[in-house]
Amino acid sequence: MTPIDKYSMISFAPSIMVILGVVAITIGGIIFLKKQIAKDAEAAGE
């Protein structure tokens, strides 16, 4: 594997940040939806 120099890091770091952001938003959305579905199911049961 080749060492990562600062020039390749300039394009590599933002790409990783975008991927991590997309994953974080997706996980947050799944958690939010699960909570909302549970709340709606509880309200429908009453």
Protein backbone atom coordinates (compact mmCIF):
# COMPACT_ATOMS: atom_id res chain seq x y z
CA MET A 1 0.00 0.00 0.00
CA THR A 2 1.32 3.42 -0.87
CA PRO A 3 1.73 5.99 1.86
CA ILE A 4 -0.84 8.79 1.92
CA ASP A 5 0.74 12.16 1.25
CA LYS A 6 -0.90 15.52 1.83
CA TYR A 7 -1.97 15.90 -1.80
CA SER A 8 -3.94 12.67 -1.85
CA MET A 9 -5.35 13.52 1.60
CA ILE A 10 -6.78 16.76 0.18
CA SER A 11 -9.23 14.76 -1.94
CA PHE A 12 -9.49 11.73 0.35
CA ALA A 13 -10.51 13.47 3.59
CA PRO A 14 -13.58 15.31 2.23
CA SER A 15 -14.78 12.11 0.57
CA ILE A 16 -14.58 10.21 3.85
CA MET A 17 -16.37 13.06 5.65
CA VAL A 18 -19.22 12.95 3.12
CA ILE A 19 -19.55 9.18 3.49
CA LEU A 20 -19.55 9.43 7.30
CA GLY A 21 -22.15 12.19 7.13
CA VAL A 22 -24.44 10.14 4.92
CA VAL A 23 -24.11 7.13 7.24
CA ALA A 24 -24.80 9.27 10.33
CA ILE A 25 -27.88 10.88 8.77
CA THR A 26 -29.18 7.47 7.68
CA ILE A 27 -28.73 5.96 11.15
CA GLY A 28 -30.34 9.02 12.74
CA GLY A 29 -33.28 8.76 10.35
CA ILE A 30 -33.80 5.08 11.10
CA ILE A 31 -33.79 5.74 14.85
CA PHE A 32 -36.20 8.66 14.41
CA LEU A 33 -38.58 6.62 12.27
CA LYS A 34 -38.59 3.71 14.72
CA LYS A 35 -39.52 6.09 17.56
CA GLN A 36 -42.29 7.68 15.50
CA ILE A 37 -43.71 4.31 14.44
CA ALA A 38 -43.75 3.15 18.07
CA LYS A 39 -45.48 6.37 19.15
CA ASP A 40 -48.09 6.04 16.39
CA ALA A 41 -48.72 2.38 17.25
CA GLU A 42 -49.23 3.31 20.90
CA ALA A 43 -51.62 6.10 19.95
CA ALA A 44 -53.57 3.77 17.65
CA GLY A 45 -53.88 1.20 20.44
CA GLU A 46 -55.60 3.64 22.79
